[in-house]
Amino acid sequence: KTIGKSIEIAEELRKAGINCDIDLSGRSIWKSLEYAGKLDIPFALIVGQQELDQGKVKLRDMLTGNEELLTVEKAIAKLRQ
């Protein structure tokens, strides 16, 4: 369920002009975040079942480690700033 929704969210981000990629490797979230950090990716969007149940996603600032629970629309607005 999360993969399908992740693909939909990635399409929304791309339509908004935001470059994104989806990690489908099956590695743990921490390994994925570590990998994103090595690539100097500024933000990670975490789409887990808990977040989806709330109708939200978790936006992580990779520089500070701060995370916010936001709707997809608010996450897009924040990423476009």
N, C-alpha and C. Protein backbone atom coordinates (compact mmCIF):
# COMPACT_ATOMS: atom_id res chain seq x y z
N LYS A 1 0.83 -1.20 0.00
CA LYS A 1 0.00 0.00 0.00
C LYS A 1 0.87 1.26 0.00
N THR A 2 1.95 1.26 0.76
CA THR A 2 2.77 2.48 0.84
C THR A 2 3.52 2.73 -0.47
N ILE A 3 3.88 1.68 -1.20
CA ILE A 3 4.61 1.88 -2.46
C ILE A 3 3.73 2.60 -3.48
N GLY A 4 2.51 2.14 -3.62
CA GLY A 4 1.58 2.78 -4.56
C GLY A 4 1.35 4.24 -4.22
N LYS A 5 1.14 4.52 -2.94
CA LYS A 5 0.91 5.90 -2.51
C LYS A 5 2.18 6.73 -2.68
N SER A 6 3.34 6.12 -2.44
CA SER A 6 4.62 6.83 -2.61
C SER A 6 4.79 7.26 -4.07
N ILE A 7 4.41 6.39 -4.99
CA ILE A 7 4.51 6.71 -6.41
C ILE A 7 3.58 7.88 -6.75
N GLU A 8 2.36 7.85 -6.21
CA GLU A 8 1.42 8.96 -6.44
C GLU A 8 1.99 10.28 -5.91
N ILE A 9 2.57 10.24 -4.73
CA ILE A 9 3.13 11.44 -4.12
C ILE A 9 4.32 11.94 -4.94
N ALA A 10 5.16 11.02 -5.42
CA ALA A 10 6.30 11.41 -6.26
C ALA A 10 5.80 12.11 -7.53
N GLU A 11 4.71 11.62 -8.10
CA GLU A 11 4.14 12.26 -9.29
C GLU A 11 3.66 13.68 -8.97
N GLU A 12 3.05 13.85 -7.80
CA GLU A 12 2.61 15.19 -7.39
C GLU A 12 3.80 16.13 -7.23
N LEU A 13 4.86 15.63 -6.60
CA LEU A 13 6.07 16.44 -6.42
C LEU A 13 6.65 16.85 -7.77
N ARG A 14 6.73 15.92 -8.69
CA ARG A 14 7.29 16.21 -10.02
C ARG A 14 6.44 17.23 -10.76
N LYS A 15 5.11 17.09 -10.66
CA LYS A 15 4.22 18.06 -11.30
C LYS A 15 4.43 19.46 -10.73
N ALA A 16 4.85 19.53 -9.47
CA ALA A 16 5.10 20.81 -8.80
C ALA A 16 6.52 21.31 -9.09
N GLY A 17 7.27 20.57 -9.93
CA GLY A 17 8.61 21.00 -10.30
C GLY A 17 9.69 20.60 -9.31
N ILE A 18 9.40 19.63 -8.46
CA ILE A 18 10.35 19.20 -7.44
C ILE A 18 10.96 17.86 -7.88
N ASN A 19 12.27 17.83 -8.03
CA ASN A 19 12.95 16.58 -8.38
C ASN A 19 12.86 15.63 -7.21
N CYS A 20 12.56 14.37 -7.50
CA CYS A 20 12.48 13.39 -6.42
C CYS A 20 12.78 12.00 -6.96
N ASP A 21 13.05 11.11 -6.03
CA ASP A 21 13.30 9.72 -6.34
C ASP A 21 12.68 8.89 -5.23
N ILE A 22 12.39 7.64 -5.51
CA ILE A 22 11.81 6.75 -4.52
C ILE A 22 12.80 5.63 -4.27
N ASP A 23 13.04 5.33 -3.01
CA ASP A 23 13.93 4.22 -2.66
C ASP A 23 13.08 2.97 -2.50
N LEU A 24 13.21 2.06 -3.46
CA LEU A 24 12.47 0.80 -3.42
C LEU A 24 13.39 -0.38 -3.14
N SER A 25 14.56 -0.09 -2.58
CA SER A 25 15.57 -1.12 -2.36
C SER A 25 15.21 -2.12 -1.28
N GLY A 26 14.30 -1.73 -0.40
CA GLY A 26 13.92 -2.62 0.68
C GLY A 26 14.80 -2.47 1.91
N ARG A 27 15.77 -1.56 1.86
CA ARG A 27 16.63 -1.35 3.03
C ARG A 27 15.85 -0.59 4.11
N SER A 28 16.39 -0.56 5.31
CA SER A 28 15.71 0.11 6.42
C SER A 28 15.64 1.61 6.16
N ILE A 29 14.71 2.26 6.85
CA ILE A 29 14.56 3.71 6.70
C ILE A 29 15.86 4.42 7.06
N TRP A 30 16.54 3.93 8.11
CA TRP A 30 17.78 4.59 8.52
C TRP A 30 18.88 4.45 7.48
N LYS A 31 18.94 3.29 6.83
CA LYS A 31 19.93 3.09 5.75
C LYS A 31 19.59 3.99 4.56
N SER A 32 18.30 4.13 4.27
CA SER A 32 17.88 5.00 3.17
C SER A 32 18.24 6.46 3.46
N LEU A 33 18.01 6.89 4.71
CA LEU A 33 18.34 8.26 5.09
C LEU A 33 19.85 8.48 5.07
N GLU A 34 20.59 7.48 5.49
CA GLU A 34 22.05 7.57 5.46
C GLU A 34 22.53 7.73 4.00
N TYR A 35 21.94 6.95 3.11
CA TYR A 35 22.28 7.01 1.69
C TYR A 35 21.94 8.40 1.12
N ALA A 36 20.76 8.93 1.45
CA ALA A 36 20.36 10.26 0.98
C ALA A 36 21.34 11.31 1.49
N GLY A 37 21.78 11.17 2.72
CA GLY A 37 22.75 12.10 3.29
C GLY A 37 24.06 12.08 2.54
N LYS A 38 24.53 10.90 2.16
CA LYS A 38 25.78 10.78 1.40
C LYS A 38 25.68 11.45 0.03
N LEU A 39 24.47 11.50 -0.52
CA LEU A 39 24.26 12.13 -1.82
C LEU A 39 23.95 13.63 -1.69
N ASP A 40 24.04 14.16 -0.47
CA ASP A 40 23.74 15.57 -0.20
C ASP A 40 22.32 15.97 -0.62
N ILE A 41 21.39 15.05 -0.43
CA ILE A 41 19.99 15.34 -0.71
C ILE A 41 19.47 16.16 0.47
N PRO A 42 18.90 17.35 0.21
CA PRO A 42 18.54 18.25 1.31
C PRO A 42 17.33 17.82 2.14
N PHE A 43 16.37 17.13 1.51
CA PHE A 43 15.16 16.73 2.22
C PHE A 43 14.78 15.30 1.86
N ALA A 44 14.19 14.61 2.81
CA ALA A 44 13.63 13.28 2.57
C ALA A 44 12.17 13.31 2.98
N LEU A 45 11.35 12.68 2.18
CA LEU A 45 9.93 12.57 2.49
C LEU A 45 9.68 11.12 2.89
N ILE A 46 9.21 10.93 4.10
CA ILE A 46 8.98 9.58 4.61
C ILE A 46 7.50 9.28 4.51
N VAL A 47 7.19 8.21 3.77
CA VAL A 47 5.81 7.80 3.55
C VAL A 47 5.64 6.40 4.12
N GLY A 48 5.26 6.35 5.39
CA GLY A 48 5.03 5.07 6.06
C GLY A 48 3.55 4.88 6.33
N GLN A 49 3.21 3.69 6.78
CA GLN A 49 1.80 3.39 7.05
C GLN A 49 1.22 4.32 8.11
N GLN A 50 1.99 4.60 9.16
CA GLN A 50 1.49 5.50 10.22
C GLN A 50 1.18 6.87 9.65
N GLU A 51 2.05 7.38 8.81
CA GLU A 51 1.84 8.70 8.21
C GLU A 51 0.61 8.67 7.30
N LEU A 52 0.51 7.64 6.47
CA LEU A 52 -0.62 7.54 5.55
C LEU A 52 -1.95 7.44 6.30
N ASP A 53 -1.95 6.74 7.42
CA ASP A 53 -3.18 6.62 8.22
C ASP A 53 -3.67 7.98 8.70
N GLN A 54 -2.74 8.93 8.84
CA GLN A 54 -3.08 10.29 9.26
C GLN A 54 -3.29 11.23 8.08
N GLY A 55 -3.12 10.72 6.86
CA GLY A 55 -3.26 11.55 5.67
C GLY A 55 -2.10 12.52 5.51
N LYS A 56 -0.92 12.12 6.03
CA LYS A 56 0.23 13.02 6.01
C LYS A 56 1.49 12.28 5.59
N VAL A 57 2.57 13.05 5.46
CA VAL A 57 3.90 12.51 5.20
C VAL A 57 4.86 13.19 6.17
N LYS A 58 6.02 12.59 6.36
CA LYS A 58 7.01 13.18 7.24
C LYS A 58 8.11 13.80 6.38
N LEU A 59 8.32 15.09 6.55
CA LEU A 59 9.36 15.81 5.81
C LEU A 59 10.56 15.96 6.73
N ARG A 60 11.70 15.40 6.32
CA ARG A 60 12.92 15.46 7.13
C ARG A 60 13.94 16.37 6.47
N ASP A 61 14.38 17.37 7.20
CA ASP A 61 15.48 18.24 6.76
C ASP A 61 16.76 17.45 7.04
N MET A 62 17.46 17.08 5.99
CA MET A 62 18.63 16.21 6.15
C MET A 62 19.81 16.93 6.80
N LEU A 63 19.82 18.25 6.75
CA LEU A 63 20.91 19.00 7.36
C LEU A 63 20.74 19.07 8.88
N THR A 64 19.53 19.39 9.32
CA THR A 64 19.28 19.57 10.75
C THR A 64 18.73 18.32 11.44
N GLY A 65 18.12 17.43 10.66
CA GLY A 65 17.49 16.24 11.23
C GLY A 65 16.08 16.51 11.71
N ASN A 66 15.61 17.76 11.60
CA ASN A 66 14.25 18.10 12.03
C ASN A 66 13.23 17.42 11.12
N GLU A 67 12.15 16.95 11.71
CA GLU A 67 11.09 16.31 10.95
C GLU A 67 9.76 16.98 11.27
N GLU A 68 8.93 17.09 10.23
CA GLU A 68 7.59 17.66 10.40
C GLU A 68 6.58 16.73 9.76
N LEU A 69 5.45 16.56 10.40
CA LEU A 69 4.35 15.79 9.85
C LEU A 69 3.43 16.76 9.13
N LEU A 70 3.32 16.60 7.80
CA LEU A 70 2.59 17.57 6.98
C LEU A 70 1.71 16.85 5.96
N THR A 71 0.71 17.56 5.47
CA THR A 71 -0.01 17.05 4.32
C THR A 71 0.93 17.14 3.12
N VAL A 72 0.63 16.41 2.07
CA VAL A 72 1.47 16.46 0.87
C VAL A 72 1.51 17.89 0.33
N GLU A 73 0.37 18.57 0.34
CA GLU A 73 0.30 19.94 -0.18
C GLU A 73 1.22 20.88 0.61
N LYS A 74 1.21 20.74 1.93
CA LYS A 74 2.07 21.60 2.76
C LYS A 74 3.54 21.24 2.59
N ALA A 75 3.83 19.97 2.39
CA ALA A 75 5.21 19.54 2.15
C ALA A 75 5.70 20.13 0.83
N ILE A 76 4.86 20.10 -0.19
CA ILE A 76 5.24 20.70 -1.48
C ILE A 76 5.49 22.19 -1.31
N ALA A 77 4.61 22.88 -0.60
CA ALA A 77 4.78 24.32 -0.39
C ALA A 77 6.10 24.59 0.33
N LYS A 78 6.42 23.80 1.32
CA LYS A 78 7.65 23.99 2.09
C LYS A 78 8.88 23.72 1.20
N LEU A 79 8.82 22.69 0.38
CA LEU A 79 9.93 22.36 -0.50
C LEU A 79 10.16 23.41 -1.59
N ARG A 80 9.11 24.12 -1.96
CA ARG A 80 9.23 25.14 -3.01
C ARG A 80 9.79 26.46 -2.50
N GLN A 81 9.89 26.62 -1.18
CA GLN A 81 10.37 27.88 -0.58
C GLN A 81 11.83 28.13 -0.94
